[in-house]
Amino acid sequence: MTEDCREKSGSGEITDTSTPEAQAQLLLYIVQGLSLVSRAGLDRTAALAAIDTALDGLRA
C-alpha cells in the first residue's frame, strides 16, 4: 500500500504533504475503523461520511 501511495503521490493523484508511509497507515486505520464500526452495528452513514472526510485529506 505504501508503494501505491508513493506512485499516486508522484503522479499527482494524491497529496504529497505527508509521507507515503503515513498515507498508507491512514488508509489501514480507515479500513480497520470501518470494520469495527460495522461489527458494533453503529451508524454506517456517519462512518462513511467520516471516511470521505479522511480521504478528502489525501486528494491532491
Protein backbone atom coordinates (compact mmCIF):
# COMPACT_ATOMS: atom_id res chain seq x y z
CA MET A 1 0.00 0.00 0.00
CA THR A 2 2.92 2.33 0.72
CA GLU A 3 4.27 1.86 -2.79
CA ASP A 4 0.83 2.60 -4.26
CA CYS A 5 0.68 5.82 -2.24
CA ARG A 6 4.18 6.71 -3.44
CA GLU A 7 3.15 6.18 -7.08
CA LYS A 8 -0.12 8.11 -6.72
CA SER A 9 1.66 10.96 -4.96
CA GLY A 10 4.29 11.07 -7.69
CA SER A 11 1.63 11.26 -10.40
CA GLY A 12 -0.28 13.99 -8.55
CA GLU A 13 -3.36 11.88 -7.81
CA ILE A 14 -2.93 12.26 -4.06
CA THR A 15 -1.26 14.91 -1.97
CA ASP A 16 2.45 14.90 -1.25
CA THR A 17 2.16 16.80 2.03
CA SER A 18 2.76 13.62 4.06
CA THR A 19 4.92 10.57 3.53
CA PRO A 20 3.62 7.57 1.61
CA GLU A 21 4.13 5.55 4.78
CA ALA A 22 1.84 7.85 6.77
CA GLN A 23 -0.74 7.81 3.98
CA ALA A 24 -0.74 4.01 3.87
CA GLN A 25 -1.10 3.90 7.66
CA LEU A 26 -4.09 6.25 7.45
CA LEU A 27 -5.77 4.02 4.88
CA LEU A 28 -5.15 0.98 7.08
CA TYR A 29 -6.71 2.74 10.06
CA ILE A 30 -9.72 3.73 7.96
CA VAL A 31 -10.31 0.12 6.90
CA GLN A 32 -9.86 -1.13 10.47
CA GLY A 33 -12.19 1.55 11.80
CA LEU A 34 -14.90 0.74 9.28
CA SER A 35 -14.63 -2.92 10.22
CA LEU A 36 -15.01 -2.06 13.90
CA VAL A 37 -17.98 0.23 13.27
CA SER A 38 -19.60 -2.45 11.14
CA ARG A 39 -19.22 -5.13 13.81
CA ALA A 40 -20.51 -2.79 16.50
CA GLY A 41 -23.61 -2.04 14.46
CA LEU A 42 -23.06 1.71 14.58
CA ASP A 43 -24.43 4.20 12.06
CA ARG A 44 -22.97 3.24 8.69
CA THR A 45 -23.88 6.58 7.10
CA ALA A 46 -21.92 8.54 9.70
CA ALA A 47 -18.95 6.18 9.35
CA LEU A 48 -18.89 6.58 5.58
CA ALA A 49 -19.11 10.37 5.90
CA ALA A 50 -16.11 10.33 8.24
CA ILE A 51 -14.18 8.16 5.80
CA ASP A 52 -14.98 10.53 2.94
CA THR A 53 -13.64 13.38 5.04
CA ALA A 54 -10.42 11.50 5.77
CA LEU A 55 -9.95 10.59 2.11
CA ASP A 56 -10.51 14.23 1.10
CA GLY A 57 -7.31 14.95 3.00
CA LEU A 58 -5.38 12.68 0.64
CA ARG A 59 -6.73 14.09 -2.59
CA ALA A 60 -4.41 16.41 -4.45
